[in-house]
Amino acid sequence: MLLMLALWSASAWPGPARAVEHASGRNVLVPSSRIVNDDLMVAGNSVLVASRVNGEVAAAGNNVTVSGPVQHDVMAAGQEVAINGPVGDDLRAAGANVTVNAPVTDNATLAGGTVILSPAASVGRNAHILGGSVQVQGRVGHNLTVSANQAQLASTVNGSVQARANRLTLLPGALVRGNLMVEGPNAPEISPQAKVLGNVTYHKTSVEQKGSRLLGWLEGWGFQFLALLILGAALFWLARPWADRVVETMTRQAGLSALTGILGLILIPVVSVLLFITLIGLPLGVTLLALYGAALLLAGVFVAYLIGGWLLRGGGRSQASPFARFALGALVLSFCTSLPWIGWLVLLIVLILGLGAVVVREWDVLSRLRTGAAA
């Protein structure tokens, strides 16, 4: 699940404004003595970004630490994730344990088994947190949304708090300037030394309702995994070499694939509709739209194949079969796309990155064919 956020980084790059610096290996260190003026994408078993980065940072690994200041977005995924340097824009992080110990200028989206927003941390605008155990000890500038088994709030939230939790506790010193809205089997526990300046509303949900929602989510995850597995098996049986080349393009030209995917997602339907207007262009428009739909349908297969390869290489099993790589990636990807709140974003990024890689790959092939014909 967690390395999926590395794909967020690849797909969210703005493109031509800044170059992208890549680094990978078992242990990756970007030292504090460096200043990185480009966007930075790093992956490895252990990742430490200690330098100042004047662009964006995307980091994935078993242990990921970002301790230097980052001017723009940070996207991090790993078993252990620690954000110890200030983030100049948005933060997106997921892991078994996620700890934020520095200010985030804009929004923060955090997911993990344990998520801690420490007293040294702050979020300038909105915070969205999903976890088993959540501790909010740092200030939130606007609204806070929490979904957790156990959640504790011990800081100031300048907006409202919306929580879905088995148990929510407002500790002494907690201050909610807006409304507090809670949904769960237990009413919120509010310390006498905590304050809510707005309205407090509580909607009780039974254990049966909670179990029903969990069962529905598991069924959705299973259906997505099965559908992706069948589609991938068919693709690998019919055209595995092509799938390998598309994934290679996605790996080597992630930034270009992302930019192309964004443009293609928007422009291809528009161009197809314009072609429908003319009788001569109608067949071309139909063909273009059909290819567009097929590329979107297969995007998840390519991304799942890439994720599975990353995970198995990180676990020292780089010789695993292609189908094993894909099956593991499909399990992770289907889990991520089924998550509440962030699932739609993961799916959007998958479509962008997969579509972009297909277009970039086929454009390269056509360019080489034209060059050969001209020669």
Protein backbone atom coordinates (compact mmCIF):
# COMPACT_ATOMS: atom_id res chain seq x y z
CA MET A 1 0.00 0.00 0.00
CA LEU A 2 2.55 2.50 1.14
CA LEU A 3 4.86 2.71 -1.82
CA MET A 4 1.89 3.78 -3.84
CA LEU A 5 2.54 7.34 -2.74
CA ALA A 6 5.75 7.26 -4.72
CA LEU A 7 3.52 7.22 -7.76
CA TRP A 8 1.79 10.34 -6.51
CA SER A 9 5.10 12.08 -6.70
CA ALA A 10 5.78 10.97 -10.24
CA SER A 11 2.38 12.01 -11.46
CA ALA A 12 2.12 15.32 -9.64
CA TRP A 13 5.26 16.86 -11.13
CA PRO A 14 4.52 20.10 -12.91
CA GLY A 15 6.75 19.19 -15.85
CA PRO A 16 8.87 21.65 -17.77
CA ALA A 17 9.24 24.29 -15.04
CA ARG A 18 11.82 22.20 -13.13
CA ALA A 19 13.99 19.19 -13.87
CA VAL A 20 13.70 16.00 -11.83
CA GLU A 21 16.65 14.43 -10.05
CA HIS A 22 16.40 10.69 -9.41
CA ALA A 23 18.25 8.59 -6.84
CA SER A 24 17.73 4.95 -5.89
CA GLY A 25 19.56 2.13 -4.15
CA ARG A 26 19.50 0.12 -0.95
CA ASN A 27 20.49 3.11 1.19
CA VAL A 28 20.00 6.59 -0.24
CA LEU A 29 21.43 9.69 1.44
CA VAL A 30 21.04 13.22 0.14
CA PRO A 31 23.38 15.06 2.55
CA SER A 32 22.76 18.37 4.27
CA SER A 33 25.80 19.82 2.51
CA ARG A 34 23.88 19.77 -0.78
CA ILE A 35 21.27 22.14 -2.18
CA VAL A 36 18.91 20.53 -4.69
CA ASN A 37 17.40 23.10 -7.03
CA ASP A 38 15.28 20.55 -8.93
CA ASP A 39 12.46 18.23 -7.93
CA LEU A 40 13.83 15.17 -6.16
CA MET A 41 12.59 11.57 -6.51
CA VAL A 42 14.27 8.96 -4.29
CA ALA A 43 13.57 5.30 -3.53
CA GLY A 44 15.44 2.70 -1.49
CA ASN A 45 15.35 0.53 1.61
CA SER A 46 16.54 3.45 3.75
CA VAL A 47 16.07 7.02 2.50
CA LEU A 48 17.34 10.18 4.19
CA VAL A 49 16.84 13.56 2.55
CA ALA A 50 18.81 16.00 4.68
CA SER A 51 19.53 18.64 2.04
CA ARG A 52 17.59 21.76 1.21
CA VAL A 53 15.32 21.07 -1.78
CA ASN A 54 14.03 24.03 -3.77
CA GLY A 55 11.50 21.89 -5.65
CA GLU A 56 9.30 18.95 -4.63
CA VAL A 57 10.33 15.72 -2.90
CA ALA A 58 8.94 12.23 -3.52
CA ALA A 59 10.45 9.50 -1.37
CA ALA A 60 9.62 5.81 -0.95
CA GLY A 61 11.32 3.09 1.05
CA ASN A 62 11.26 1.02 4.20
CA ASN A 63 12.53 3.89 6.36
CA VAL A 64 12.02 7.38 4.97
CA THR A 65 13.19 10.57 6.68
CA VAL A 66 12.97 14.07 5.26
CA SER A 67 14.92 16.39 7.58
CA GLY A 68 15.90 19.24 5.26
CA PRO A 69 13.62 22.13 4.28
CA VAL A 70 11.53 21.56 1.13
CA GLN A 71 10.18 24.54 -0.77
CA HIS A 72 7.21 22.81 -2.40
CA ASP A 73 5.30 19.51 -1.90
CA VAL A 74 6.54 16.43 -0.06
CA MET A 75 5.16 12.97 -0.84
CA ALA A 76 6.54 10.10 1.21
CA ALA A 77 5.72 6.42 1.74
CA GLY A 78 7.38 3.69 3.76
CA GLN A 79 7.28 1.46 6.80
CA GLU A 80 8.59 4.28 8.98
CA VAL A 81 8.10 7.86 7.75
CA ALA A 82 9.41 10.93 9.56
CA ILE A 83 9.06 14.50 8.33
CA ASN A 84 11.52 16.56 10.37
CA GLY A 85 12.05 19.53 8.02
CA PRO A 86 9.61 22.32 7.11
CA VAL A 87 7.39 21.75 4.06
CA GLY A 88 6.66 24.82 1.93
CA ASP A 89 3.46 23.53 0.34
CA ASP A 90 1.42 20.29 0.80
CA LEU A 91 2.45 17.10 2.58
CA ARG A 92 1.17 13.64 1.66
CA ALA A 93 2.58 10.73 3.65
CA ALA A 94 1.64 7.13 4.40
CA GLY A 95 3.30 4.36 6.37
CA ALA A 96 3.00 1.92 9.22
CA ASN A 97 4.20 4.74 11.46
CA VAL A 98 4.07 8.37 10.30
CA THR A 99 5.51 11.18 12.42
CA VAL A 100 5.48 14.88 11.49
CA ASN A 101 7.84 17.06 13.52
CA ALA A 102 7.91 20.24 11.41
CA PRO A 103 5.54 22.89 10.05
CA VAL A 104 3.56 22.29 6.85
CA THR A 105 2.61 25.52 5.10
CA ASP A 106 -0.57 24.33 3.35
CA ASN A 107 -2.45 21.01 3.59
CA ALA A 108 -1.48 17.63 5.05
CA THR A 109 -2.88 14.21 4.10
CA LEU A 110 -1.55 11.46 6.37
CA ALA A 111 -2.34 7.74 6.57
CA GLY A 112 -0.85 4.97 8.67
CA GLY A 113 -1.16 2.50 11.50
CA THR A 114 0.10 5.18 13.89
CA VAL A 115 0.07 8.85 12.89
CA ILE A 116 1.56 11.55 15.10
CA LEU A 117 1.43 15.28 14.47
CA SER A 118 3.89 16.30 17.18
CA PRO A 119 3.90 19.57 19.17
CA ALA A 120 6.73 20.82 16.91
CA ALA A 121 4.51 20.34 13.85
CA SER A 122 1.74 22.51 12.44
CA VAL A 123 -0.52 22.49 9.38
CA GLY A 124 -1.26 25.85 7.83
CA ARG A 125 -4.57 24.89 6.24
CA ASN A 126 -6.49 21.57 6.32
CA ALA A 127 -5.37 18.24 7.78
CA HIS A 128 -6.84 14.89 6.68
CA ILE A 129 -5.64 11.97 8.81
CA LEU A 130 -6.49 8.28 8.47
CA GLY A 131 -4.99 5.79 10.93
CA GLY A 132 -5.37 3.17 13.59
CA SER A 133 -3.99 5.43 16.31
CA VAL A 134 -3.89 9.19 15.67
CA GLN A 135 -2.34 11.85 17.91
CA VAL A 136 -2.79 15.50 16.95
CA GLN A 137 -0.48 17.55 19.15
CA GLY A 138 0.38 20.28 16.62
CA ARG A 139 -1.74 23.25 15.56
CA VAL A 140 -4.09 22.98 12.53
CA GLY A 141 -4.76 26.28 10.77
CA HIS A 142 -8.18 25.42 9.34
CA ASN A 143 -10.21 22.17 9.45
CA LEU A 144 -9.24 18.73 10.74
CA THR A 145 -10.75 15.50 9.41
CA VAL A 146 -9.91 12.26 11.23
CA SER A 147 -10.82 8.64 10.66
CA ALA A 148 -9.28 6.36 13.27
CA ASN A 149 -9.77 3.65 15.83
CA GLN A 150 -8.28 5.78 18.61
CA ALA A 151 -7.77 9.53 18.15
CA GLN A 152 -6.42 12.14 20.58
CA LEU A 153 -6.48 15.91 20.11
CA ALA A 154 -4.22 18.04 22.30
CA SER A 155 -3.73 21.18 20.22
CA THR A 156 -5.55 24.11 18.63
CA VAL A 157 -7.73 23.65 15.53
CA ASN A 158 -8.73 27.03 14.13
CA GLY A 159 -11.59 25.55 12.12
CA SER A 160 -13.91 22.57 12.69
CA VAL A 161 -13.15 18.94 13.50
CA GLN A 162 -14.93 16.07 11.78
CA ALA A 163 -14.09 12.66 13.23
CA ARG A 164 -15.09 9.09 12.57
CA ALA A 165 -13.53 7.19 15.43
CA ASN A 166 -14.13 4.34 17.80
CA ARG A 167 -12.88 6.64 20.53
CA LEU A 168 -12.04 10.35 20.33
CA THR A 169 -10.44 12.18 23.25
CA LEU A 170 -9.88 15.92 23.62
CA LEU A 171 -7.03 16.25 26.07
CA PRO A 172 -6.35 19.21 28.39
CA GLY A 173 -5.30 22.24 26.37
CA ALA A 174 -7.18 21.20 23.22
CA LEU A 175 -9.06 24.05 21.54
CA VAL A 176 -11.51 23.75 18.63
CA ARG A 177 -12.58 27.17 17.42
CA GLY A 178 -15.25 25.77 15.10
CA ASN A 179 -17.65 22.83 15.42
CA LEU A 180 -16.89 19.31 16.63
CA MET A 181 -18.72 16.59 14.67
CA VAL A 182 -18.17 12.99 15.77
CA GLU A 183 -19.46 9.69 14.40
CA GLY A 184 -18.72 6.41 16.15
CA PRO A 185 -19.86 3.86 18.74
CA ASN A 186 -18.60 5.99 21.66
CA ALA A 187 -19.28 9.63 22.49
CA PRO A 188 -16.24 11.92 22.45
CA GLU A 189 -14.40 12.35 25.75
CA ILE A 190 -13.79 16.06 26.30
CA SER A 191 -11.53 17.10 29.15
CA PRO A 192 -12.78 19.98 31.36
CA GLN A 193 -9.57 21.75 30.36
CA ALA A 194 -10.44 21.43 26.63
CA LYS A 195 -12.67 23.89 24.79
CA VAL A 196 -14.98 23.69 21.77
CA LEU A 197 -16.20 27.16 20.79
CA GLY A 198 -18.72 25.91 18.22
CA ASN A 199 -21.38 23.21 18.40
CA VAL A 200 -20.70 19.62 19.46
CA THR A 201 -22.68 16.99 17.55
CA TYR A 202 -22.41 13.23 18.02
CA HIS A 203 -23.93 10.53 15.82
CA LYS A 204 -23.84 7.11 17.43
CA THR A 205 -23.10 4.15 15.17
CA SER A 206 -23.49 0.58 16.32
CA VAL A 207 -20.83 -2.08 16.05
CA GLU A 208 -23.06 -3.83 13.51
CA GLN A 209 -23.13 -0.72 11.29
CA LYS A 210 -19.37 -0.42 11.57
CA GLY A 211 -18.94 -4.10 10.68
CA SER A 212 -21.28 -3.72 7.70
CA ARG A 213 -19.25 -0.80 6.33
CA LEU A 214 -16.04 -2.78 6.83
CA LEU A 215 -17.51 -5.80 5.04
CA GLY A 216 -18.63 -3.59 2.13
CA TRP A 217 -15.18 -2.06 1.87
CA LEU A 218 -13.52 -5.50 1.89
CA GLU A 219 -15.87 -6.69 -0.84
CA GLY A 220 -15.04 -3.64 -2.96
CA TRP A 221 -11.32 -4.20 -2.46
CA GLY A 222 -11.67 -7.88 -3.40
CA PHE A 223 -13.68 -7.08 -6.53
CA GLN A 224 -11.13 -4.49 -7.71
CA PHE A 225 -8.25 -6.90 -7.07
CA LEU A 226 -9.95 -9.76 -8.95
CA ALA A 227 -10.84 -7.56 -11.93
CA LEU A 228 -7.31 -6.14 -12.13
CA LEU A 229 -5.81 -9.63 -11.81
CA ILE A 230 -7.90 -11.00 -14.69
CA LEU A 231 -7.16 -8.01 -16.91
CA GLY A 232 -3.44 -8.23 -16.18
CA ALA A 233 -3.29 -11.96 -16.80
CA ALA A 234 -4.92 -11.44 -20.20
CA LEU A 235 -2.50 -8.64 -21.10
CA PHE A 236 0.59 -10.62 -20.08
CA TRP A 237 -0.61 -13.62 -22.06
CA LEU A 238 -1.27 -11.57 -25.18
CA ALA A 239 1.36 -8.82 -25.08
CA ARG A 240 3.84 -9.10 -22.23
CA PRO A 241 6.79 -7.55 -24.15
CA TRP A 242 4.71 -4.45 -24.83
CA ALA A 243 3.69 -4.22 -21.16
CA ASP A 244 7.37 -4.47 -20.15
CA ARG A 245 8.27 -1.62 -22.49
CA VAL A 246 5.46 0.62 -21.21
CA VAL A 247 6.51 0.04 -17.59
CA GLU A 248 10.12 0.75 -18.52
CA THR A 249 8.99 4.06 -20.04
CA MET A 250 7.03 4.85 -16.90
CA THR A 251 10.16 4.23 -14.81
CA ARG A 252 12.69 6.07 -16.96
CA GLN A 253 10.47 9.01 -17.97
CA ALA A 254 8.13 9.41 -15.02
CA GLY A 255 7.91 13.19 -15.22
CA LEU A 256 7.25 13.22 -18.97
CA SER A 257 4.71 10.41 -18.57
CA ALA A 258 2.87 12.38 -15.89
CA LEU A 259 2.76 15.59 -17.91
CA THR A 260 1.67 13.72 -21.05
CA GLY A 261 -0.98 11.86 -19.05
CA ILE A 262 -2.48 15.07 -17.69
CA LEU A 263 -2.65 16.61 -21.16
CA GLY A 264 -3.95 13.40 -22.73
CA LEU A 265 -6.64 12.90 -20.10
CA ILE A 266 -8.04 16.32 -20.95
CA LEU A 267 -7.29 16.77 -24.65
CA ILE A 268 -7.97 13.36 -26.22
CA PRO A 269 -11.75 13.37 -25.50
CA VAL A 270 -11.97 16.97 -26.76
CA VAL A 271 -10.13 16.13 -29.99
CA SER A 272 -12.28 13.03 -30.49
CA VAL A 273 -15.50 15.04 -30.15
CA LEU A 274 -14.20 17.60 -32.65
CA LEU A 275 -13.40 14.81 -35.10
CA PHE A 276 -16.97 13.48 -34.73
CA ILE A 277 -18.27 16.72 -36.22
CA THR A 278 -16.82 16.00 -39.67
CA LEU A 279 -17.77 12.96 -41.73
CA ILE A 280 -14.15 12.38 -42.77
CA GLY A 281 -12.89 12.59 -39.20
CA LEU A 282 -15.58 10.35 -37.68
CA PRO A 283 -13.71 7.03 -38.10
CA LEU A 284 -10.52 8.59 -36.70
CA GLY A 285 -12.44 10.03 -33.75
CA VAL A 286 -14.01 6.66 -32.94
CA THR A 287 -10.63 4.93 -33.17
CA LEU A 288 -8.93 7.56 -31.02
CA LEU A 289 -11.63 7.34 -28.36
CA ALA A 290 -11.45 3.54 -28.35
CA LEU A 291 -7.66 3.61 -27.90
CA TYR A 292 -8.07 6.19 -25.16
CA GLY A 293 -10.51 3.94 -23.30
CA ALA A 294 -8.24 0.91 -23.69
CA ALA A 295 -5.24 2.85 -22.35
CA LEU A 296 -7.21 4.00 -19.30
CA LEU A 297 -8.41 0.46 -18.69
CA LEU A 298 -4.86 -0.91 -18.82
CA ALA A 299 -3.29 1.91 -16.78
CA GLY A 300 -3.85 0.03 -13.54
CA VAL A 301 -2.12 -3.06 -14.91
CA PHE A 302 1.04 -1.11 -15.77
CA VAL A 303 1.15 0.70 -12.42
CA ALA A 304 0.49 -2.53 -10.49
CA TYR A 305 3.32 -4.25 -12.37
CA LEU A 306 5.65 -1.38 -11.46
CA ILE A 307 4.66 -1.38 -7.77
CA GLY A 308 5.08 -5.15 -7.48
CA GLY A 309 8.55 -4.95 -8.98
CA TRP A 310 9.56 -2.20 -6.53
CA LEU A 311 8.30 -4.16 -3.53
CA LEU A 312 9.92 -7.45 -4.50
CA ARG A 313 13.25 -5.81 -5.33
CA GLY A 314 13.16 -4.04 -1.97
CA GLY A 315 12.58 -7.41 -0.31
CA GLY A 316 15.51 -9.00 -2.14
CA ARG A 317 13.35 -11.02 -4.55
CA SER A 318 14.16 -9.33 -7.82
CA GLN A 319 14.09 -12.73 -9.62
CA ALA A 320 10.42 -13.30 -8.89
CA SER A 321 8.23 -14.12 -11.88
CA PRO A 322 6.50 -11.26 -13.74
CA PHE A 323 3.09 -12.56 -12.72
CA ALA A 324 4.13 -12.66 -9.05
CA ARG A 325 5.27 -9.04 -9.38
CA PHE A 326 1.97 -8.08 -10.95
CA ALA A 327 -0.18 -10.02 -8.46
CA LEU A 328 1.50 -8.32 -5.49
CA GLY A 329 1.23 -4.91 -7.15
CA ALA A 330 -2.43 -5.51 -8.00
CA LEU A 331 -3.17 -6.37 -4.36
CA VAL A 332 -1.48 -3.16 -3.17
CA LEU A 333 -3.00 -0.95 -5.86
CA SER A 334 -6.55 -2.23 -5.41
CA PHE A 335 -6.20 -1.63 -1.67
CA CYS A 336 -5.10 1.96 -2.24
CA THR A 337 -7.85 2.79 -4.73
CA SER A 338 -10.47 1.37 -2.34
CA LEU A 339 -9.40 3.61 0.55
CA PRO A 340 -11.88 6.28 1.64
CA TRP A 341 -11.02 9.91 0.89
CA ILE A 342 -7.75 9.25 -0.96
CA GLY A 343 -8.84 6.35 -3.20
CA TRP A 344 -10.14 8.65 -5.93
CA LEU A 345 -6.85 10.57 -5.92
CA VAL A 346 -4.82 7.37 -6.22
CA LEU A 347 -7.02 6.26 -9.13
CA LEU A 348 -6.62 9.61 -10.88
CA ILE A 349 -2.84 9.40 -10.56
CA VAL A 350 -2.83 5.83 -11.87
CA LEU A 351 -4.82 6.91 -14.93
CA ILE A 352 -2.53 9.89 -15.56
CA LEU A 353 0.70 7.93 -15.19
CA GLY A 354 -0.49 4.87 -17.13
CA LEU A 355 -2.01 6.84 -20.00
CA GLY A 356 1.06 9.09 -20.20
CA ALA A 357 3.48 6.15 -20.34
CA VAL A 358 1.50 4.52 -23.17
CA VAL A 359 1.42 7.75 -25.20
CA VAL A 360 5.13 8.49 -24.63
CA ARG A 361 6.09 4.93 -25.55
CA GLU A 362 4.05 4.83 -28.75
CA TRP A 363 5.18 8.32 -29.75
CA ASP A 364 8.81 7.18 -29.43
CA VAL A 365 8.06 4.16 -31.60
CA LEU A 366 6.40 6.32 -34.28
CA SER A 367 9.29 8.79 -34.18
CA ARG A 368 11.83 6.02 -34.77
CA LEU A 369 9.72 4.65 -37.64
CA ARG A 370 9.58 8.09 -39.27
CA THR A 371 13.33 8.53 -38.84
CA GLY A 372 13.98 5.14 -40.41
CA ALA A 373 11.63 5.85 -43.30
CA ALA A 374 13.29 9.24 -43.94
CA ALA A 375 16.73 7.62 -43.97
